[in-house]
C-alpha cells in the first residue's frame, strides 16, 4: 500500500483517504454491516427458495411418471388397488385416470 501511495497517483490517494475516513466513522461502519447482513439474508432466502422450487419440480416429475405408469397398467387391465400400491398414487387418483 505504501508503494501505491508513494507513487503520487491522486486517485489512489483519494481512495485511501476515503477508506480511512470510512473506517473511523462508526455510523458508516454500522450501515455497511447492516448492508452486508441484508445481502447475506437475501442470498440465503434465494438459495432456500431455489432448493424448495427444485424439490417441488422433482415431486411433480415423479408424480407425472407415476401417472404414466398407472395409465399403462390400467390399459393392460390391472386392478386399481394394485396400480395404486405399485405407483404410490391414491386409489381415487387411479380411478380418475382415463
PDB file of N, CA and C in Angstrom:
ATOM      1  N   UNK A   1       0.820  -1.180   0.000  1.00  0.00           N
ATOM      2  CA  UNK A   1       0.000   0.000   0.000  1.00  0.00           C
ATOM      3  C   UNK A   1       0.871   1.253   0.000  1.00  0.00           C
ATOM      4  N   UNK A   2       1.949   1.211   0.760  1.00  0.00           N
ATOM      5  CA  UNK A   2       2.851   2.372   0.817  1.00  0.00           C
ATOM      6  C   UNK A   2       3.427   2.690  -0.553  1.00  0.00           C
ATOM      7  N   UNK A   3       3.728   1.643  -1.312  1.00  0.00           N
ATOM      8  CA  UNK A   3       4.292   1.850  -2.651  1.00  0.00           C
ATOM      9  C   UNK A   3       3.273   2.564  -3.534  1.00  0.00           C
ATOM     10  N   UNK A   4       2.026   2.154  -3.451  1.00  0.00           N
ATOM     11  CA  UNK A   4       0.980   2.804  -4.242  1.00  0.00           C
ATOM     12  C   UNK A   4       0.804   4.259  -3.832  1.00  0.00           C
ATOM     13  N   UNK A   5       0.828   4.515  -2.526  1.00  0.00           N
ATOM     14  CA  UNK A   5       0.632   5.878  -2.036  1.00  0.00           C
ATOM     15  C   UNK A   5       1.814   6.775  -2.390  1.00  0.00           C
ATOM     16  N   UNK A   6       3.004   6.213  -2.417  1.00  0.00           N
ATOM     17  CA  UNK A   6       4.194   6.993  -2.754  1.00  0.00           C
ATOM     18  C   UNK A   6       4.274   7.287  -4.239  1.00  0.00           C
ATOM     19  N   UNK A   7       3.510   6.539  -5.014  1.00  0.00           N
ATOM     20  CA  UNK A   7       3.514   6.746  -6.463  1.00  0.00           C
ATOM     21  C   UNK A   7       2.928   8.088  -6.867  1.00  0.00           C
ATOM     22  N   UNK A   8       2.193   8.721  -5.970  1.00  0.00           N
ATOM     23  CA  UNK A   8       1.667  10.043  -6.248  1.00  0.00           C
ATOM     24  C   UNK A   8       0.383  10.067  -7.058  1.00  0.00           C
ATOM     25  N   UNK A   9      -0.217   8.925  -7.296  1.00  0.00           N
ATOM     26  CA  UNK A   9      -1.479   8.890  -8.049  1.00  0.00           C
ATOM     27  C   UNK A   9      -2.584   9.497  -7.192  1.00  0.00           C
ATOM     28  N   UNK A  10      -3.186  10.568  -7.684  1.00  0.00           N
ATOM     29  CA  UNK A  10      -4.196  11.304  -6.920  1.00  0.00           C
ATOM     30  C   UNK A  10      -5.417  10.430  -6.619  1.00  0.00           C
ATOM     31  N   UNK A  11      -5.814   9.605  -7.568  1.00  0.00           N
ATOM     32  CA  UNK A  11      -6.995   8.761  -7.373  1.00  0.00           C
ATOM     33  C   UNK A  11      -6.748   7.735  -6.261  1.00  0.00           C
ATOM     34  N   UNK A  12      -5.547   7.176  -6.227  1.00  0.00           N
ATOM     35  CA  UNK A  12      -5.212   6.198  -5.194  1.00  0.00           C
ATOM     36  C   UNK A  12      -5.193   6.878  -3.833  1.00  0.00           C
ATOM     37  N   UNK A  13      -4.568   8.049  -3.775  1.00  0.00           N
ATOM     38  CA  UNK A  13      -4.521   8.786  -2.512  1.00  0.00           C
ATOM     39  C   UNK A  13      -5.914   9.165  -2.023  1.00  0.00           C
ATOM     40  N   UNK A  14      -6.765   9.586  -2.950  1.00  0.00           N
ATOM     41  CA  UNK A  14      -8.135   9.955  -2.573  1.00  0.00           C
ATOM     42  C   UNK A  14      -8.897   8.736  -2.059  1.00  0.00           C
ATOM     43  N   UNK A  15      -8.752   7.600  -2.736  1.00  0.00           N
ATOM     44  CA  UNK A  15      -9.429   6.377  -2.318  1.00  0.00           C
ATOM     45  C   UNK A  15      -8.952   5.943  -0.934  1.00  0.00           C
ATOM     46  N   UNK A  16      -7.660   6.069  -0.699  1.00  0.00           N
ATOM     47  CA  UNK A  16      -7.116   5.690   0.604  1.00  0.00           C
ATOM     48  C   UNK A  16      -7.641   6.604   1.703  1.00  0.00           C
ATOM     49  N   UNK A  17      -7.711   7.880   1.433  1.00  0.00           N
ATOM     50  CA  UNK A  17      -8.237   8.827   2.420  1.00  0.00           C
ATOM     51  C   UNK A  17      -9.714   8.554   2.729  1.00  0.00           C
ATOM     52  N   UNK A  18     -10.487   8.219   1.687  1.00  0.00           N
ATOM     53  CA  UNK A  18     -11.891   7.858   1.910  1.00  0.00           C
ATOM     54  C   UNK A  18     -11.996   6.587   2.747  1.00  0.00           C
ATOM     55  N   UNK A  19     -11.128   5.641   2.468  1.00  0.00           N
ATOM     56  CA  UNK A  19     -11.095   4.394   3.233  1.00  0.00           C
ATOM     57  C   UNK A  19     -10.815   4.670   4.711  1.00  0.00           C
ATOM     58  N   UNK A  20      -9.826   5.509   4.973  1.00  0.00           N
ATOM     59  CA  UNK A  20      -9.504   5.844   6.361  1.00  0.00           C
ATOM     60  C   UNK A  20     -10.664   6.556   7.049  1.00  0.00           C
ATOM     61  N   UNK A  21     -11.278   7.483   6.349  1.00  0.00           N
ATOM     62  CA  UNK A  21     -12.408   8.224   6.925  1.00  0.00           C
ATOM     63  C   UNK A  21     -13.585   7.277   7.195  1.00  0.00           C
ATOM     64  N   UNK A  22     -13.814   6.384   6.266  1.00  0.00           N
ATOM     65  CA  UNK A  22     -14.900   5.412   6.431  1.00  0.00           C
ATOM     66  C   UNK A  22     -14.681   4.555   7.671  1.00  0.00           C
ATOM     67  N   UNK A  23     -13.453   4.067   7.844  1.00  0.00           N
ATOM     68  CA  UNK A  23     -13.159   3.195   8.983  1.00  0.00           C
ATOM     69  C   UNK A  23     -13.240   3.923  10.317  1.00  0.00           C
ATOM     70  N   UNK A  24     -13.139   5.227  10.301  1.00  0.00           N
ATOM     71  CA  UNK A  24     -13.203   5.989  11.539  1.00  0.00           C
ATOM     72  C   UNK A  24     -14.624   6.465  11.849  1.00  0.00           C
ATOM     73  N   UNK A  25     -15.547   6.271  10.932  1.00  0.00           N
ATOM     74  CA  UNK A  25     -16.923   6.736  11.118  1.00  0.00           C
ATOM     75  C   UNK A  25     -17.796   5.550  11.563  1.00  0.00           C
ATOM     76  N   UNK A  26     -18.193   5.560  12.835  1.00  0.00           N
ATOM     77  CA  UNK A  26     -18.971   4.452  13.413  1.00  0.00           C
ATOM     78  C   UNK A  26     -20.296   4.254  12.682  1.00  0.00           C
ATOM     79  N   UNK A  27     -20.965   5.334  12.339  1.00  0.00           N
ATOM     80  CA  UNK A  27     -22.263   5.233  11.665  1.00  0.00           C
ATOM     81  C   UNK A  27     -22.112   4.567  10.292  1.00  0.00           C
ATOM     82  N   UNK A  28     -21.091   4.960   9.549  1.00  0.00           N
ATOM     83  CA  UNK A  28     -20.870   4.342   8.242  1.00  0.00           C
ATOM     84  C   UNK A  28     -20.540   2.859   8.377  1.00  0.00           C
ATOM     85  N   UNK A  29     -19.754   2.503   9.382  1.00  0.00           N
ATOM     86  CA  UNK A  29     -19.438   1.089   9.599  1.00  0.00           C
ATOM     87  C   UNK A  29     -20.696   0.293   9.929  1.00  0.00           C
ATOM     88  N   UNK A  30     -21.556   0.866  10.750  1.00  0.00           N
ATOM     89  CA  UNK A  30     -22.807   0.173  11.107  1.00  0.00           C
ATOM     90  C   UNK A  30     -23.706   0.019   9.883  1.00  0.00           C
ATOM     91  N   UNK A  31     -23.754   1.046   9.047  1.00  0.00           N
ATOM     92  CA  UNK A  31     -24.545   0.947   7.817  1.00  0.00           C
ATOM     93  C   UNK A  31     -23.996  -0.157   6.906  1.00  0.00           C
ATOM     94  N   UNK A  32     -22.693  -0.230   6.812  1.00  0.00           N
ATOM     95  CA  UNK A  32     -22.083  -1.276   5.978  1.00  0.00           C
ATOM     96  C   UNK A  32     -22.352  -2.659   6.560  1.00  0.00           C
ATOM     97  N   UNK A  33     -22.281  -2.793   7.866  1.00  0.00           N
ATOM     98  CA  UNK A  33     -22.587  -4.084   8.493  1.00  0.00           C
ATOM     99  C   UNK A  33     -24.040  -4.476   8.236  1.00  0.00           C
ATOM    100  N   UNK A  34     -24.940  -3.495   8.322  1.00  0.00           N
ATOM    101  CA  UNK A  34     -26.361  -3.768   8.054  1.00  0.00           C
ATOM    102  C   UNK A  34     -26.553  -4.177   6.600  1.00  0.00           C
ATOM    103  N   UNK A  35     -25.831  -3.524   5.701  1.00  0.00           N
ATOM    104  CA  UNK A  35     -25.913  -3.863   4.273  1.00  0.00           C
ATOM    105  C   UNK A  35     -25.417  -5.283   4.035  1.00  0.00           C
ATOM    106  N   UNK A  36     -24.294  -5.625   4.644  1.00  0.00           N
ATOM    107  CA  UNK A  36     -23.751  -6.965   4.498  1.00  0.00           C
ATOM    108  C   UNK A  36     -24.702  -8.024   5.054  1.00  0.00           C
ATOM    109  N   UNK A  37     -25.334  -7.735   6.182  1.00  0.00           N
ATOM    110  CA  UNK A  37     -26.296  -8.670   6.778  1.00  0.00           C
ATOM    111  C   UNK A  37     -27.502  -8.852   5.861  1.00  0.00           C
ATOM    112  N   UNK A  38     -27.973  -7.737   5.284  1.00  0.00           N
ATOM    113  CA  UNK A  38     -29.101  -7.810   4.339  1.00  0.00           C
ATOM    114  C   UNK A  38     -28.732  -8.690   3.146  1.00  0.00           C
ATOM    115  N   UNK A  39     -27.557  -8.460   2.566  1.00  0.00           N
ATOM    116  CA  UNK A  39     -27.139  -9.258   1.408  1.00  0.00           C
ATOM    117  C   UNK A  39     -27.019 -10.733   1.769  1.00  0.00           C
ATOM    118  N   UNK A  40     -26.500 -11.019   2.950  1.00  0.00           N
ATOM    119  CA  UNK A  40     -26.393 -12.416   3.403  1.00  0.00           C
ATOM    120  C   UNK A  40     -27.780 -13.035   3.542  1.00  0.00           C
ATOM    121  N   UNK A  41     -28.698 -12.316   4.205  1.00  0.00           N
ATOM    122  CA  UNK A  41     -30.057 -12.832   4.394  1.00  0.00           C
ATOM    123  C   UNK A  41     -30.761 -13.025   3.049  1.00  0.00           C
ATOM    124  N   UNK A  42     -30.588 -12.062   2.163  1.00  0.00           N
ATOM    125  CA  UNK A  42     -31.223 -12.133   0.845  1.00  0.00           C
ATOM    126  C   UNK A  42     -30.730 -13.371   0.093  1.00  0.00           C
ATOM    127  N   UNK A  43     -29.423 -13.566   0.060  1.00  0.00           N
ATOM    128  CA  UNK A  43     -28.870 -14.723  -0.652  1.00  0.00           C
ATOM    129  C   UNK A  43     -29.292 -16.037  -0.012  1.00  0.00           C
ATOM    130  N   UNK A  44     -29.404 -16.058   1.309  1.00  0.00           N
ATOM    131  CA  UNK A  44     -29.866 -17.255   1.996  1.00  0.00           C
ATOM    132  C   UNK A  44     -31.304 -17.576   1.594  1.00  0.00           C
ATOM    133  N   UNK A  45     -32.151 -16.554   1.559  1.00  0.00           N
ATOM    134  CA  UNK A  45     -33.553 -16.762   1.170  1.00  0.00           C
ATOM    135  C   UNK A  45     -33.669 -17.209  -0.283  1.00  0.00           C
ATOM    136  N   UNK A  46     -32.874 -16.626  -1.168  1.00  0.00           N
ATOM    137  CA  UNK A  46     -32.903 -17.011  -2.579  1.00  0.00           C
ATOM    138  C   UNK A  46     -32.488 -18.475  -2.737  1.00  0.00           C
ATOM    139  N   UNK A  47     -31.424 -18.857  -2.052  1.00  0.00           N
ATOM    140  CA  UNK A  47     -30.971 -20.248  -2.140  1.00  0.00           C
ATOM    141  C   UNK A  47     -32.004 -21.214  -1.578  1.00  0.00           C
ATOM    142  N   UNK A  48     -32.646 -20.836  -0.483  1.00  0.00           N
ATOM    143  CA  UNK A  48     -33.691 -21.682   0.100  1.00  0.00           C
ATOM    144  C   UNK A  48     -34.857 -21.829  -0.879  1.00  0.00           C
ATOM    145  N   UNK A  49     -35.275 -20.712  -1.472  1.00  0.00           N
ATOM    146  CA  UNK A  49     -36.383 -20.751  -2.431  1.00  0.00           C
ATOM    147  C   UNK A  49     -36.028 -21.614  -3.641  1.00  0.00           C
ATOM    148  N   UNK A  50     -34.787 -21.524  -4.082  1.00  0.00           N
ATOM    149  CA  UNK A  50     -34.344 -22.337  -5.222  1.00  0.00           C
ATOM    150  C   UNK A  50     -34.417 -23.822  -4.887  1.00  0.00           C
ATOM    151  N   UNK A  51     -33.897 -24.190  -3.715  1.00  0.00           N
ATOM    152  CA  UNK A  51     -33.940 -25.610  -3.312  1.00  0.00           C
ATOM    153  C   UNK A  51     -35.383 -26.087  -3.171  1.00  0.00           C
ATOM    154  N   UNK A  52     -36.231 -25.232  -2.600  1.00  0.00           N
ATOM    155  CA  UNK A  52     -37.638 -25.595  -2.436  1.00  0.00           C
ATOM    156  C   UNK A  52     -38.306 -25.774  -3.795  1.00  0.00           C
ATOM    157  N   UNK A  53     -38.017 -24.881  -4.720  1.00  0.00           N
ATOM    158  CA  UNK A  53     -38.575 -24.992  -6.071  1.00  0.00           C
ATOM    159  C   UNK A  53     -38.108 -26.245  -6.784  1.00  0.00           C
ATOM    160  N   UNK A  54     -36.837 -26.572  -6.617  1.00  0.00           N
ATOM    161  CA  UNK A  54     -36.310 -27.796  -7.225  1.00  0.00           C
ATOM    162  C   UNK A  54     -36.999 -29.027  -6.649  1.00  0.00           C
ATOM    163  N   UNK A  55     -37.236 -29.019  -5.341  1.00  0.00           N
ATOM    164  CA  UNK A  55     -37.907 -30.156  -4.705  1.00  0.00           C
ATOM    165  C   UNK A  55     -39.341 -30.298  -5.212  1.00  0.00           C
ATOM    166  N   UNK A  56     -40.022 -29.175  -5.366  1.00  0.00           N
ATOM    167  CA  UNK A  56     -41.395 -29.211  -5.876  1.00  0.00           C
ATOM    168  C   UNK A  56     -41.400 -29.737  -7.304  1.00  0.00           C
ATOM    169  N   UNK A  57     -40.465 -29.235  -8.123  1.00  0.00           N
ATOM    170  CA  UNK A  57     -40.381 -29.702  -9.509  1.00  0.00           C
ATOM    171  C   UNK A  57     -40.080 -31.182  -9.602  1.00  0.00           C
ATOM    172  N   UNK A  58     -39.204 -31.649  -8.738  1.00  0.00           N
ATOM    173  CA  UNK A  58     -38.870 -33.072  -8.722  1.00  0.00           C
ATOM    174  C   UNK A  58     -40.085 -33.909  -8.333  1.00  0.00           C
ATOM    175  N   UNK A  59     -40.826 -33.440  -7.335  1.00  0.00           N
ATOM    176  CA  UNK A  59     -42.018 -34.176  -6.894  1.00  0.00           C
ATOM    177  C   UNK A  59     -43.058 -34.228  -8.007  1.00  0.00           C
ATOM    178  N   UNK A  60     -43.216 -33.116  -8.709  1.00  0.00           N
ATOM    179  CA  UNK A  60     -44.178 -33.104  -9.823  1.00  0.00           C
ATOM    180  C   UNK A  60     -43.744 -34.058 -10.929  1.00  0.00           C
ATOM    181  N   UNK A  61     -42.450 -34.099 -11.186  1.00  0.00           N
ATOM    182  CA  UNK A  61     -41.945 -35.020 -12.206  1.00  0.00           C
ATOM    183  C   UNK A  61     -42.189 -36.463 -11.818  1.00  0.00           C
ATOM    184  N   UNK A  62     -41.957 -36.770 -10.542  1.00  0.00           N
ATOM    185  CA  UNK A  62     -42.191 -38.137 -10.068  1.00  0.00           C
ATOM    186  C   UNK A  62     -43.668 -38.497 -10.174  1.00  0.00           C
ATOM    187  N   UNK A  63     -44.535 -37.535  -9.850  1.00  0.00           N
ATOM    188  CA  UNK A  63     -45.975 -37.809  -9.940  1.00  0.00           C
ATOM    189  C   UNK A  63     -46.376 -38.045 -11.393  1.00  0.00           C
ATOM    190  N   UNK A  64     -45.813 -37.267 -12.318  1.00  0.00           N
ATOM    191  CA  UNK A  64     -46.133 -37.470 -13.741  1.00  0.00           C
ATOM    192  C   UNK A  64     -45.695 -38.856 -14.203  1.00  0.00           C
ATOM    193  N   UNK A  65     -44.525 -39.295 -13.730  1.00  0.00           N
ATOM    194  CA  UNK A  65     -44.055 -40.641 -14.083  1.00  0.00           C
ATOM    195  C   UNK A  65     -45.006 -41.695 -13.528  1.00  0.00           C
ATOM    196  N   UNK A  66     -45.432 -41.502 -12.273  1.00  0.00           N
ATOM    197  CA  UNK A  66     -46.343 -42.466 -11.645  1.00  0.00           C
ATOM    198  C   UNK A  66     -47.664 -42.516 -12.397  1.00  0.00           C
ATOM    199  N   UNK A  67     -48.147 -41.369 -12.831  1.00  0.00           N
ATOM    200  CA  UNK A  67     -49.408 -41.328 -13.582  1.00  0.00           C
ATOM    201  C   UNK A  67     -49.255 -42.047 -14.915  1.00  0.00           C
ATOM    202  N   UNK A  68     -48.128 -41.843 -15.590  1.00  0.00           N
ATOM    203  CA  UNK A  68     -47.904 -42.520 -16.870  1.00  0.00           C
ATOM    204  C   UNK A  68     -47.872 -44.034 -16.684  1.00  0.00           C
ATOM    205  N   UNK A  69     -47.181 -44.486 -15.644  1.00  0.00           N
ATOM    206  CA  UNK A  69     -47.128 -45.928 -15.369  1.00  0.00           C
ATOM    207  C   UNK A  69     -48.525 -46.441 -15.043  1.00  0.00           C
ATOM    208  N   UNK A  70     -49.264 -45.685 -14.228  1.00  0.00           N
ATOM    209  CA  UNK A  70     -50.613 -46.104 -13.841  1.00  0.00           C
ATOM    210  C   UNK A  70     -51.530 -46.217 -15.056  1.00  0.00           C
ATOM    211  N   UNK A  71     -51.412 -45.266 -15.978  1.00  0.00           N
ATOM    212  CA  UNK A  71     -52.244 -45.330 -17.195  1.00  0.00           C
ATOM    213  C   UNK A  71     -51.922 -46.583 -18.000  1.00  0.00           C
ATOM    214  N   UNK A  72     -50.638 -46.899 -18.100  1.00  0.00           N
ATOM    215  CA  UNK A  72     -50.251 -48.105 -18.846  1.00  0.00           C
ATOM    216  C   UNK A  72     -50.783 -49.368 -18.171  1.00  0.00           C
ATOM    217  N   UNK A  73     -50.649 -49.423 -16.846  1.00  0.00           N
ATOM    218  CA  UNK A  73     -51.134 -50.607 -16.133  1.00  0.00           C
ATOM    219  C   UNK A  73     -52.652 -50.717 -16.216  1.00  0.00           C
ATOM    220  N   UNK A  74     -53.324 -49.580 -16.146  1.00  0.00           N
ATOM    221  CA  UNK A  74     -54.791 -49.589 -16.232  1.00  0.00           C
ATOM    222  C   UNK A  74     -55.239 -50.057 -17.611  1.00  0.00           C
ATOM    223  N   UNK A  75     -54.510 -49.599 -18.642  1.00  0.00           N
ATOM    224  CA  UNK A  75     -54.842 -50.015 -20.010  1.00  0.00           C
ATOM    225  C   UNK A  75     -54.638 -51.520 -20.195  1.00  0.00           C
ATOM    226  N   UNK A  76     -53.751 -52.121 -19.413  1.00  0.00           N
ATOM    227  CA  UNK A  76     -53.496 -53.562 -19.514  1.00  0.00           C
ATOM    228  C   UNK A  76     -54.425 -54.373 -18.629  1.00  0.00           C
ATOM    229  N   UNK A  77     -55.330 -53.676 -17.908  1.00  0.00           N
ATOM    230  CA  UNK A  77     -56.342 -54.376 -17.151  1.00  0.00           C
ATOM    231  C   UNK A  77     -55.987 -54.712 -15.712  1.00  0.00           C
ATOM    232  N   UNK A  78     -54.946 -54.144 -15.174  1.00  0.00           N
ATOM    233  CA  UNK A  78     -54.590 -54.396 -13.774  1.00  0.00           C
ATOM    234  C   UNK A  78     -55.615 -53.740 -12.852  1.00  0.00           C
ATOM    235  N   UNK A  79     -55.878 -54.340 -11.708  1.00  0.00           N
ATOM    236  CA  UNK A  79     -56.835 -53.765 -10.763  1.00  0.00           C
ATOM    237  C   UNK A  79     -56.322 -52.419 -10.212  1.00  0.00           C
ATOM    238  N   UNK A  80     -57.248 -51.505  -9.977  1.00  0.00           N
ATOM    239  CA  UNK A  80     -56.910 -50.164  -9.497  1.00  0.00           C
ATOM    240  C   UNK A  80     -56.151 -50.224  -8.172  1.00  0.00           C
ATOM    241  N   UNK A  81     -56.520 -51.138  -7.298  1.00  0.00           N
ATOM    242  CA  UNK A  81     -55.840 -51.229  -5.999  1.00  0.00           C
ATOM    243  C   UNK A  81     -54.369 -51.618  -6.162  1.00  0.00           C
ATOM    244  N   UNK A  82     -54.099 -52.539  -7.095  1.00  0.00           N
ATOM    245  CA  UNK A  82     -52.712 -52.934  -7.355  1.00  0.00           C
ATOM    246  C   UNK A  82     -51.917 -51.773  -7.966  1.00  0.00           C
ATOM    247  N   UNK A  83     -52.556 -51.048  -8.876  1.00  0.00           N
ATOM    248  CA  UNK A  83     -51.895 -49.908  -9.515  1.00  0.00           C
ATOM    249  C   UNK A  83     -51.551 -48.850  -8.464  1.00  0.00           C
ATOM    250  N   UNK A  84     -52.482 -48.592  -7.571  1.00  0.00           N
ATOM    251  CA  UNK A  84     -52.248 -47.598  -6.519  1.00  0.00           C
ATOM    252  C   UNK A  84     -51.081 -48.028  -5.633  1.00  0.00           C
ATOM    253  N   UNK A  85     -51.040 -49.301  -5.320  1.00  0.00           N
ATOM    254  CA  UNK A  85     -49.969 -49.801  -4.452  1.00  0.00           C
ATOM    255  C   UNK A  85     -48.606 -49.691  -5.135  1.00  0.00           C
ATOM    256  N   UNK A  86     -48.543 -50.019  -6.405  1.00  0.00           N
ATOM    257  CA  UNK A  86     -47.276 -50.010  -7.145  1.00  0.00           C
ATOM    258  C   UNK A  86     -46.783 -48.593  -7.413  1.00  0.00           C
ATOM    259  N   UNK A  87     -47.689 -47.694  -7.765  1.00  0.00           N
ATOM    260  CA  UNK A  87     -47.289 -46.337  -8.167  1.00  0.00           C
ATOM    261  C   UNK A  87     -47.218 -45.348  -7.017  1.00  0.00           C
ATOM    262  N   UNK A  88     -47.884 -45.648  -5.920  1.00  0.00           N
ATOM    263  CA  UNK A  88     -47.920 -44.705  -4.813  1.00  0.00           C
ATOM    264  C   UNK A  88     -49.029 -43.673  -4.951  1.00  0.00           C
ATOM    265  N   UNK A  89     -49.805 -43.771  -6.011  1.00  0.00           N
ATOM    266  CA  UNK A  89     -50.942 -42.869  -6.185  1.00  0.00           C
ATOM    267  C   UNK A  89     -52.091 -43.364  -5.307  1.00  0.00           C
ATOM    268  N   UNK A  90     -53.005 -42.467  -5.015  1.00  0.00           N
ATOM    269  CA  UNK A  90     -54.172 -42.887  -4.238  1.00  0.00           C
ATOM    270  C   UNK A  90     -55.121 -43.671  -5.144  1.00  0.00           C
ATOM    271  N   UNK A  91     -55.962 -44.452  -4.514  1.00  0.00           N
ATOM    272  CA  UNK A  91     -56.942 -45.233  -5.253  1.00  0.00           C
ATOM    273  C   UNK A  91     -57.862 -44.304  -6.047  1.00  0.00           C
ATOM    274  N   UNK A  92     -58.241 -43.169  -5.458  1.00  0.00           N
ATOM    275  CA  UNK A  92     -59.100 -42.205  -6.152  1.00  0.00           C
ATOM    276  C   UNK A  92     -58.391 -41.654  -7.392  1.00  0.00           C
ATOM    277  N   UNK A  93     -57.088 -41.368  -7.279  1.00  0.00           N
ATOM    278  CA  UNK A  93     -56.347 -40.873  -8.437  1.00  0.00           C
ATOM    279  C   UNK A  93     -56.311 -41.912  -9.548  1.00  0.00           C
ATOM    280  N   UNK A  94     -56.104 -43.139  -9.194  1.00  0.00           N
ATOM    281  CA  UNK A  94     -56.039 -44.202 -10.202  1.00  0.00           C
ATOM    282  C   UNK A  94     -57.393 -44.358 -10.879  1.00  0.00           C
ATOM    283  N   UNK A  95     -58.472 -44.303 -10.117  1.00  0.00           N
ATOM    284  CA  UNK A  95     -59.805 -44.469 -10.680  1.00  0.00           C
ATOM    285  C   UNK A  95     -60.171 -43.323 -11.623  1.00  0.00           C
ATOM    286  N   UNK A  96     -59.599 -42.125 -11.377  1.00  0.00           N
ATOM    287  CA  UNK A  96     -59.906 -40.980 -12.244  1.00  0.00           C
ATOM    288  C   UNK A  96     -59.156 -41.010 -13.567  1.00  0.00           C
ATOM    289  N   UNK A  97     -58.130 -41.828 -13.667  1.00  0.00           N
ATOM    290  CA  UNK A  97     -57.336 -41.879 -14.903  1.00  0.00           C
ATOM    291  C   UNK A  97     -58.158 -42.436 -16.045  1.00  0.00           C
ATOM    292  N   UNK A  98     -57.912 -41.882 -17.222  1.00  0.00           N
ATOM    293  CA  UNK A  98     -58.641 -42.391 -18.397  1.00  0.00           C
ATOM    294  C   UNK A  98     -57.727 -43.144 -19.313  1.00  0.00           C
TER     295      UNK A  98
END
